[in-house]
Amino acid sequence: MRDVAFGYGVSADDALLQYTTTGWMMWNLMIAGLAWRPRLILYDRSPLHPSLPAFLRLVHDQGVSVLGVSPRFLGEMHWMDIKPLALGLFNALKTIASEGAVLTPALHTWAHNAFVGRVRVFTPCGGTDIFSAFATSALSELVYAGAMPCKALGMK
């Protein structure tokens, strides 16, 4: 639960969307985020269906401030040459967490710049078996392209 607040920066003023299934630990992380009272946006399908721009319009229209995605999602945006700001201003969006694998430095930089450099992009790393994070982010730490920001609470 602490990671949702300290790593993702979720508070009661936020709208959190982590596209996931109920079988993946990210579902539980999103539900644990309710302790901080954000508004949860649930999306029950692939973010590529009906289209990636349609999913991004949902993110914009719902005022999502913390978005959980995958490297593949960001890669598809990049390869399809999707310009998020052509779909909306995304004024509410402040954090993009890309789970599943570390972003390459080039993809990290592209994702950051795709939202005019004001969105914090980071890559947490965890384990479904321990239902926790090994590495995450901290709002007080800088994020470097291609790197995981810091160890999670309790990791040595």
N, C-alpha and C. Protein backbone atom coordinates (compact mmCIF):
# COMPACT_ATOMS: atom_id res chain seq x y z
N MET A 1 0.82 -1.20 0.00
CA MET A 1 0.00 0.00 0.00
C MET A 1 0.86 1.26 0.00
N ARG A 2 1.97 1.21 0.71
CA ARG A 2 2.80 2.41 0.78
C ARG A 2 3.37 2.78 -0.58
N ASP A 3 3.67 1.77 -1.38
CA ASP A 3 4.24 2.04 -2.70
C ASP A 3 3.29 2.86 -3.56
N VAL A 4 2.00 2.66 -3.40
CA VAL A 4 1.02 3.41 -4.19
C VAL A 4 1.14 4.90 -3.87
N ALA A 5 1.37 5.24 -2.62
CA ALA A 5 1.49 6.64 -2.22
C ALA A 5 2.90 7.18 -2.45
N PHE A 6 3.90 6.45 -1.97
CA PHE A 6 5.28 6.96 -2.01
C PHE A 6 5.94 6.79 -3.37
N GLY A 7 5.62 5.73 -4.08
CA GLY A 7 6.24 5.49 -5.38
C GLY A 7 5.44 6.06 -6.54
N TYR A 8 4.14 5.80 -6.53
CA TYR A 8 3.28 6.26 -7.61
C TYR A 8 2.76 7.67 -7.37
N GLY A 9 2.78 8.12 -6.14
CA GLY A 9 2.31 9.46 -5.82
C GLY A 9 0.80 9.59 -5.78
N VAL A 10 0.09 8.51 -5.47
CA VAL A 10 -1.37 8.53 -5.47
C VAL A 10 -1.90 9.17 -4.20
N SER A 11 -2.90 10.02 -4.37
CA SER A 11 -3.58 10.65 -3.23
C SER A 11 -5.08 10.68 -3.53
N ALA A 12 -5.83 11.26 -2.63
CA ALA A 12 -7.28 11.32 -2.78
C ALA A 12 -7.72 12.17 -3.97
N ASP A 13 -6.83 13.01 -4.47
CA ASP A 13 -7.16 13.87 -5.60
C ASP A 13 -6.95 13.20 -6.96
N ASP A 14 -6.48 11.96 -6.95
CA ASP A 14 -6.07 11.30 -8.18
C ASP A 14 -7.12 10.36 -8.75
N ALA A 15 -6.93 10.07 -10.04
CA ALA A 15 -7.67 9.02 -10.73
C ALA A 15 -6.61 8.03 -11.21
N LEU A 16 -6.75 6.78 -10.79
CA LEU A 16 -5.75 5.73 -11.07
C LEU A 16 -6.31 4.72 -12.05
N LEU A 17 -5.57 4.47 -13.13
CA LEU A 17 -5.93 3.44 -14.08
C LEU A 17 -4.70 2.57 -14.31
N GLN A 18 -4.79 1.33 -13.91
CA GLN A 18 -3.76 0.33 -14.19
C GLN A 18 -4.43 -0.73 -15.02
N TYR A 19 -4.14 -0.78 -16.33
CA TYR A 19 -4.82 -1.83 -17.08
C TYR A 19 -4.19 -3.16 -16.71
N THR A 20 -5.04 -4.09 -16.33
CA THR A 20 -4.59 -5.37 -15.79
C THR A 20 -5.76 -6.35 -15.81
N THR A 21 -5.49 -7.55 -15.39
CA THR A 21 -6.55 -8.52 -15.17
C THR A 21 -6.61 -8.79 -13.67
N THR A 22 -7.67 -9.40 -13.22
CA THR A 22 -7.79 -9.69 -11.79
C THR A 22 -6.81 -10.77 -11.36
N GLY A 23 -6.18 -11.46 -12.30
CA GLY A 23 -5.22 -12.51 -11.96
C GLY A 23 -3.80 -12.03 -11.78
N TRP A 24 -3.54 -10.76 -12.05
CA TRP A 24 -2.17 -10.24 -11.92
C TRP A 24 -2.09 -9.39 -10.67
N MET A 25 -0.93 -9.39 -10.02
CA MET A 25 -0.79 -8.65 -8.77
C MET A 25 -1.04 -7.15 -8.92
N MET A 26 -0.95 -6.61 -10.12
CA MET A 26 -1.20 -5.18 -10.30
C MET A 26 -2.66 -4.84 -10.01
N TRP A 27 -3.55 -5.80 -10.19
CA TRP A 27 -4.96 -5.59 -9.79
C TRP A 27 -5.01 -5.34 -8.29
N ASN A 28 -4.32 -6.16 -7.54
CA ASN A 28 -4.31 -6.01 -6.08
C ASN A 28 -3.63 -4.71 -5.66
N LEU A 29 -2.59 -4.31 -6.39
CA LEU A 29 -1.93 -3.04 -6.08
C LEU A 29 -2.92 -1.89 -6.29
N MET A 30 -3.68 -1.97 -7.37
CA MET A 30 -4.66 -0.92 -7.64
C MET A 30 -5.74 -0.89 -6.56
N ILE A 31 -6.21 -2.06 -6.16
CA ILE A 31 -7.22 -2.12 -5.10
C ILE A 31 -6.65 -1.63 -3.78
N ALA A 32 -5.39 -1.98 -3.49
CA ALA A 32 -4.73 -1.49 -2.27
C ALA A 32 -4.64 0.03 -2.29
N GLY A 33 -4.55 0.59 -3.49
CA GLY A 33 -4.51 2.05 -3.61
C GLY A 33 -5.74 2.74 -3.07
N LEU A 34 -6.84 2.00 -2.91
CA LEU A 34 -8.05 2.60 -2.35
C LEU A 34 -7.82 3.15 -0.94
N ALA A 35 -6.78 2.67 -0.27
CA ALA A 35 -6.46 3.20 1.06
C ALA A 35 -6.16 4.70 0.99
N TRP A 36 -5.70 5.16 -0.18
CA TRP A 36 -5.37 6.58 -0.34
C TRP A 36 -6.53 7.34 -0.98
N ARG A 37 -7.65 6.64 -1.25
CA ARG A 37 -8.91 7.20 -1.72
C ARG A 37 -8.88 7.85 -3.12
N PRO A 38 -8.10 7.31 -4.06
CA PRO A 38 -8.22 7.85 -5.41
C PRO A 38 -9.48 7.31 -6.08
N ARG A 39 -9.84 7.86 -7.18
CA ARG A 39 -10.90 7.32 -8.00
C ARG A 39 -10.24 6.28 -8.91
N LEU A 40 -10.76 5.05 -8.91
CA LEU A 40 -10.23 4.00 -9.76
C LEU A 40 -10.99 3.95 -11.07
N ILE A 41 -10.26 3.81 -12.15
CA ILE A 41 -10.87 3.60 -13.46
C ILE A 41 -10.55 2.16 -13.85
N LEU A 42 -11.57 1.36 -14.07
CA LEU A 42 -11.38 -0.05 -14.43
C LEU A 42 -11.60 -0.20 -15.94
N TYR A 43 -10.71 -0.92 -16.59
CA TYR A 43 -10.78 -1.12 -18.04
C TYR A 43 -10.68 -2.61 -18.30
N ASP A 44 -11.77 -3.22 -18.74
CA ASP A 44 -11.86 -4.67 -18.86
C ASP A 44 -11.65 -5.15 -20.30
N ARG A 45 -10.47 -4.88 -20.84
CA ARG A 45 -10.09 -5.37 -22.17
C ARG A 45 -8.67 -4.92 -22.46
N SER A 46 -8.19 -5.28 -23.60
CA SER A 46 -6.86 -4.85 -24.01
C SER A 46 -6.87 -3.35 -24.28
N PRO A 47 -5.81 -2.64 -23.91
CA PRO A 47 -5.76 -1.21 -24.22
C PRO A 47 -5.63 -0.95 -25.73
N LEU A 48 -5.40 -2.02 -26.49
CA LEU A 48 -5.32 -1.88 -27.95
C LEU A 48 -6.68 -2.10 -28.62
N HIS A 49 -7.71 -2.40 -27.81
CA HIS A 49 -9.05 -2.63 -28.35
C HIS A 49 -10.02 -1.59 -27.81
N PRO A 50 -10.77 -0.88 -28.56
CA PRO A 50 -10.85 -1.02 -30.01
C PRO A 50 -9.65 -0.42 -30.74
N SER A 51 -8.95 0.53 -30.11
CA SER A 51 -7.73 1.07 -30.70
C SER A 51 -6.94 1.76 -29.60
N LEU A 52 -5.67 1.92 -29.83
CA LEU A 52 -4.83 2.61 -28.85
C LEU A 52 -5.24 4.08 -28.69
N PRO A 53 -5.53 4.80 -29.77
CA PRO A 53 -6.03 6.17 -29.58
C PRO A 53 -7.33 6.23 -28.77
N ALA A 54 -8.21 5.24 -28.93
CA ALA A 54 -9.45 5.22 -28.15
C ALA A 54 -9.14 5.07 -26.66
N PHE A 55 -8.17 4.21 -26.33
CA PHE A 55 -7.77 4.05 -24.93
C PHE A 55 -7.18 5.36 -24.39
N LEU A 56 -6.34 6.01 -25.18
CA LEU A 56 -5.75 7.28 -24.74
C LEU A 56 -6.81 8.36 -24.56
N ARG A 57 -7.83 8.36 -25.41
CA ARG A 57 -8.94 9.32 -25.22
C ARG A 57 -9.66 9.04 -23.90
N LEU A 58 -9.83 7.76 -23.56
CA LEU A 58 -10.43 7.40 -22.27
C LEU A 58 -9.57 7.95 -21.12
N VAL A 59 -8.26 7.76 -21.21
CA VAL A 59 -7.34 8.28 -20.19
C VAL A 59 -7.52 9.79 -20.06
N HIS A 60 -7.56 10.47 -21.17
CA HIS A 60 -7.75 11.93 -21.16
C HIS A 60 -9.11 12.31 -20.61
N ASP A 61 -10.18 11.72 -21.16
CA ASP A 61 -11.54 12.10 -20.79
C ASP A 61 -11.87 11.81 -19.32
N GLN A 62 -11.27 10.76 -18.77
CA GLN A 62 -11.51 10.40 -17.37
C GLN A 62 -10.60 11.16 -16.40
N GLY A 63 -9.70 11.97 -16.93
CA GLY A 63 -8.79 12.74 -16.06
C GLY A 63 -7.84 11.85 -15.28
N VAL A 64 -7.35 10.79 -15.92
CA VAL A 64 -6.42 9.88 -15.24
C VAL A 64 -5.15 10.65 -14.90
N SER A 65 -4.74 10.55 -13.65
CA SER A 65 -3.51 11.22 -13.22
C SER A 65 -2.36 10.24 -13.01
N VAL A 66 -2.67 8.99 -12.71
CA VAL A 66 -1.65 7.95 -12.54
C VAL A 66 -2.05 6.78 -13.43
N LEU A 67 -1.20 6.51 -14.41
CA LEU A 67 -1.50 5.50 -15.42
C LEU A 67 -0.46 4.38 -15.36
N GLY A 68 -0.94 3.16 -15.19
CA GLY A 68 -0.07 1.99 -15.20
C GLY A 68 -0.18 1.29 -16.54
N VAL A 69 0.95 1.12 -17.22
CA VAL A 69 0.99 0.52 -18.55
C VAL A 69 2.12 -0.51 -18.61
N SER A 70 2.43 -0.94 -19.82
CA SER A 70 3.54 -1.87 -20.03
C SER A 70 4.50 -1.27 -21.05
N PRO A 71 5.72 -1.80 -21.10
CA PRO A 71 6.64 -1.35 -22.14
C PRO A 71 6.06 -1.58 -23.54
N ARG A 72 5.35 -2.68 -23.72
CA ARG A 72 4.74 -2.96 -25.03
C ARG A 72 3.74 -1.88 -25.41
N PHE A 73 2.95 -1.42 -24.46
CA PHE A 73 1.99 -0.35 -24.72
C PHE A 73 2.70 0.90 -25.22
N LEU A 74 3.75 1.31 -24.51
CA LEU A 74 4.49 2.51 -24.91
C LEU A 74 5.19 2.29 -26.25
N GLY A 75 5.71 1.08 -26.45
CA GLY A 75 6.34 0.75 -27.72
C GLY A 75 5.36 0.83 -28.88
N GLU A 76 4.16 0.33 -28.69
CA GLU A 76 3.13 0.40 -29.73
C GLU A 76 2.79 1.86 -30.05
N MET A 77 2.68 2.69 -29.01
CA MET A 77 2.42 4.11 -29.24
C MET A 77 3.52 4.70 -30.11
N HIS A 78 4.76 4.39 -29.78
CA HIS A 78 5.92 4.93 -30.49
C HIS A 78 5.95 4.41 -31.93
N TRP A 79 5.82 3.10 -32.10
CA TRP A 79 5.90 2.49 -33.44
C TRP A 79 4.74 2.92 -34.33
N MET A 80 3.58 3.17 -33.73
CA MET A 80 2.42 3.61 -34.52
C MET A 80 2.44 5.13 -34.74
N ASP A 81 3.47 5.79 -34.19
CA ASP A 81 3.64 7.24 -34.31
C ASP A 81 2.43 7.99 -33.78
N ILE A 82 1.90 7.51 -32.65
CA ILE A 82 0.76 8.17 -32.01
C ILE A 82 1.28 9.35 -31.19
N LYS A 83 0.69 10.49 -31.43
CA LYS A 83 1.03 11.71 -30.70
C LYS A 83 -0.07 11.95 -29.68
N PRO A 84 0.16 11.62 -28.41
CA PRO A 84 -0.90 11.77 -27.40
C PRO A 84 -1.51 13.17 -27.36
N LEU A 85 -0.68 14.19 -27.51
CA LEU A 85 -1.18 15.55 -27.38
C LEU A 85 -2.05 15.97 -28.56
N ALA A 86 -2.08 15.18 -29.63
CA ALA A 86 -3.02 15.43 -30.72
C ALA A 86 -4.41 14.92 -30.34
N LEU A 87 -4.48 14.06 -29.31
CA LEU A 87 -5.76 13.50 -28.85
C LEU A 87 -6.35 14.27 -27.68
N GLY A 88 -5.52 14.99 -26.95
CA GLY A 88 -5.96 15.74 -25.77
C GLY A 88 -4.77 16.33 -25.07
N LEU A 89 -5.02 17.20 -24.11
CA LEU A 89 -3.93 17.87 -23.40
C LEU A 89 -3.36 17.04 -22.25
N PHE A 90 -4.13 16.09 -21.73
CA PHE A 90 -3.69 15.23 -20.63
C PHE A 90 -3.19 16.06 -19.45
N ASN A 91 -3.90 17.13 -19.14
CA ASN A 91 -3.49 18.01 -18.03
C ASN A 91 -3.45 17.30 -16.69
N ALA A 92 -4.31 16.32 -16.49
CA ALA A 92 -4.35 15.63 -15.19
C ALA A 92 -3.22 14.62 -15.04
N LEU A 93 -2.70 14.09 -16.13
CA LEU A 93 -1.71 13.02 -16.08
C LEU A 93 -0.39 13.51 -15.49
N LYS A 94 0.04 12.85 -14.41
CA LYS A 94 1.29 13.25 -13.76
C LYS A 94 2.29 12.10 -13.68
N THR A 95 1.81 10.85 -13.72
CA THR A 95 2.69 9.70 -13.56
C THR A 95 2.30 8.59 -14.53
N ILE A 96 3.32 8.01 -15.17
CA ILE A 96 3.15 6.79 -15.96
C ILE A 96 4.10 5.76 -15.37
N ALA A 97 3.54 4.67 -14.88
CA ALA A 97 4.34 3.56 -14.36
C ALA A 97 4.29 2.44 -15.40
N SER A 98 5.44 2.05 -15.89
CA SER A 98 5.51 1.00 -16.90
C SER A 98 6.02 -0.28 -16.25
N GLU A 99 5.10 -1.21 -16.00
CA GLU A 99 5.43 -2.44 -15.29
C GLU A 99 5.73 -3.57 -16.27
N GLY A 100 6.51 -4.53 -15.82
CA GLY A 100 6.75 -5.73 -16.61
C GLY A 100 8.19 -5.88 -17.06
N ALA A 101 8.85 -4.80 -17.38
CA ALA A 101 10.25 -4.82 -17.81
C ALA A 101 10.77 -3.39 -17.78
N VAL A 102 12.06 -3.25 -17.65
CA VAL A 102 12.66 -1.91 -17.66
C VAL A 102 12.55 -1.34 -19.07
N LEU A 103 12.16 -0.11 -19.16
CA LEU A 103 12.10 0.56 -20.46
C LEU A 103 13.51 0.82 -20.97
N THR A 104 13.70 0.69 -22.27
CA THR A 104 14.98 1.09 -22.84
C THR A 104 15.13 2.59 -22.65
N PRO A 105 16.36 3.10 -22.59
CA PRO A 105 16.52 4.55 -22.45
C PRO A 105 15.79 5.33 -23.55
N ALA A 106 15.84 4.82 -24.79
CA ALA A 106 15.19 5.53 -25.89
C ALA A 106 13.66 5.56 -25.72
N LEU A 107 13.08 4.44 -25.32
CA LEU A 107 11.62 4.40 -25.15
C LEU A 107 11.19 5.23 -23.95
N HIS A 108 11.97 5.19 -22.88
CA HIS A 108 11.68 6.01 -21.70
C HIS A 108 11.68 7.49 -22.07
N THR A 109 12.70 7.91 -22.79
CA THR A 109 12.81 9.31 -23.20
C THR A 109 11.66 9.69 -24.12
N TRP A 110 11.31 8.80 -25.06
CA TRP A 110 10.20 9.08 -25.96
C TRP A 110 8.90 9.26 -25.17
N ALA A 111 8.63 8.35 -24.24
CA ALA A 111 7.39 8.42 -23.45
C ALA A 111 7.33 9.71 -22.64
N HIS A 112 8.44 10.08 -22.05
CA HIS A 112 8.50 11.31 -21.27
C HIS A 112 8.22 12.52 -22.17
N ASN A 113 8.86 12.56 -23.33
CA ASN A 113 8.70 13.69 -24.25
C ASN A 113 7.34 13.71 -24.94
N ALA A 114 6.71 12.54 -25.10
CA ALA A 114 5.40 12.47 -25.77
C ALA A 114 4.35 13.27 -25.00
N PHE A 115 4.57 13.47 -23.71
CA PHE A 115 3.65 14.24 -22.89
C PHE A 115 4.31 15.55 -22.44
N VAL A 116 5.10 16.12 -23.32
CA VAL A 116 5.76 17.42 -23.14
C VAL A 116 6.69 17.46 -21.92
N GLY A 117 7.22 16.33 -21.53
CA GLY A 117 8.22 16.30 -20.47
C GLY A 117 7.71 16.64 -19.08
N ARG A 118 6.41 16.67 -18.89
CA ARG A 118 5.90 17.00 -17.55
C ARG A 118 5.36 15.79 -16.82
N VAL A 119 5.32 14.65 -17.49
CA VAL A 119 4.83 13.42 -16.88
C VAL A 119 6.01 12.60 -16.38
N ARG A 120 5.93 12.16 -15.16
CA ARG A 120 6.97 11.33 -14.55
C ARG A 120 6.78 9.89 -15.02
N VAL A 121 7.79 9.35 -15.70
CA VAL A 121 7.74 7.98 -16.21
C VAL A 121 8.74 7.16 -15.40
N PHE A 122 8.28 6.04 -14.84
CA PHE A 122 9.21 5.18 -14.11
C PHE A 122 8.83 3.72 -14.28
N THR A 123 9.79 2.85 -13.94
CA THR A 123 9.61 1.41 -14.09
C THR A 123 9.76 0.73 -12.74
N PRO A 124 8.66 0.34 -12.11
CA PRO A 124 8.78 -0.46 -10.89
C PRO A 124 9.05 -1.93 -11.24
N CYS A 125 9.58 -2.64 -10.31
CA CYS A 125 9.87 -4.06 -10.53
C CYS A 125 9.45 -4.81 -9.28
N GLY A 126 8.67 -5.85 -9.47
CA GLY A 126 8.19 -6.58 -8.30
C GLY A 126 8.12 -8.06 -8.55
N GLY A 127 7.41 -8.69 -7.68
CA GLY A 127 7.23 -10.11 -7.80
C GLY A 127 5.84 -10.50 -7.40
N THR A 128 5.16 -11.18 -8.31
CA THR A 128 3.81 -11.64 -8.02
C THR A 128 3.82 -12.58 -6.83
N ASP A 129 4.87 -13.40 -6.74
CA ASP A 129 4.92 -14.38 -5.66
C ASP A 129 5.07 -13.75 -4.28
N ILE A 130 5.73 -12.61 -4.18
CA ILE A 130 5.84 -11.94 -2.88
C ILE A 130 4.85 -10.80 -2.72
N PHE A 131 4.09 -10.53 -3.79
CA PHE A 131 3.11 -9.45 -3.81
C PHE A 131 3.70 -8.16 -3.26
N SER A 132 4.83 -7.79 -3.83
CA SER A 132 5.49 -6.58 -3.40
C SER A 132 6.44 -6.11 -4.49
N ALA A 133 7.05 -4.99 -4.27
CA ALA A 133 8.02 -4.45 -5.22
C ALA A 133 9.43 -4.64 -4.69
N PHE A 134 10.34 -4.94 -5.60
CA PHE A 134 11.76 -4.99 -5.25
C PHE A 134 12.39 -3.61 -5.48
N ALA A 135 12.04 -3.02 -6.61
CA ALA A 135 12.50 -1.68 -6.95
C ALA A 135 11.28 -0.88 -7.38
N THR A 136 11.30 0.38 -7.06
CA THR A 136 10.15 1.23 -7.36
C THR A 136 10.64 2.65 -7.58
N SER A 137 9.84 3.59 -7.27
CA SER A 137 10.18 5.00 -7.40
C SER A 137 9.92 5.68 -6.06
N ALA A 138 10.52 6.80 -5.90
CA ALA A 138 10.23 7.66 -4.74
C ALA A 138 10.09 9.07 -5.28
N LEU A 139 9.08 9.76 -4.86
CA LEU A 139 8.83 11.10 -5.38
C LEU A 139 10.01 12.03 -5.14
N SER A 140 10.83 11.72 -4.14
CA SER A 140 11.98 12.57 -3.82
C SER A 140 13.24 12.21 -4.62
N GLU A 141 13.17 11.14 -5.42
CA GLU A 141 14.33 10.69 -6.19
C GLU A 141 14.16 11.03 -7.67
N LEU A 142 15.28 11.31 -8.32
CA LEU A 142 15.25 11.53 -9.76
C LEU A 142 15.04 10.21 -10.48
N VAL A 143 14.44 10.28 -11.64
CA VAL A 143 14.24 9.10 -12.48
C VAL A 143 15.15 9.25 -13.69
N TYR A 144 15.94 8.21 -13.97
CA TYR A 144 16.84 8.22 -15.11
C TYR A 144 16.35 7.23 -16.15
N ALA A 145 16.42 7.63 -17.41
CA ALA A 145 15.97 6.77 -18.51
C ALA A 145 16.74 5.46 -18.50
N GLY A 146 16.00 4.34 -18.58
CA GLY A 146 16.62 3.03 -18.64
C GLY A 146 17.01 2.45 -17.29
N ALA A 147 16.64 3.10 -16.21
CA ALA A 147 17.02 2.63 -14.88
C ALA A 147 15.81 2.58 -13.96
N MET A 148 15.90 1.72 -12.94
CA MET A 148 14.88 1.70 -11.91
C MET A 148 15.32 2.69 -10.83
N PRO A 149 14.42 3.53 -10.38
CA PRO A 149 14.82 4.63 -9.49
C PRO A 149 15.44 4.22 -8.16
N CYS A 150 14.80 3.31 -7.40
CA CYS A 150 15.34 3.00 -6.08
C CYS A 150 14.77 1.69 -5.56
N LYS A 151 15.36 1.19 -4.50
CA LYS A 151 14.85 -0.03 -3.85
C LYS A 151 13.52 0.30 -3.18
N ALA A 152 12.66 -0.69 -3.15
CA ALA A 152 11.37 -0.53 -2.47
C ALA A 152 11.59 -0.56 -0.96
N LEU A 153 10.61 -0.05 -0.23
CA LEU A 153 10.68 -0.09 1.23
C LEU A 153 10.86 -1.53 1.70
N GLY A 154 11.78 -1.74 2.59
CA GLY A 154 12.02 -3.09 3.14
C GLY A 154 13.03 -3.91 2.36
N MET A 155 13.49 -3.45 1.20
CA MET A 155 14.49 -4.19 0.43
C MET A 155 15.88 -3.71 0.82
N LYS A 156 16.80 -4.66 0.97
CA LYS A 156 18.17 -4.30 1.36
C LYS A 156 19.07 -4.19 0.16
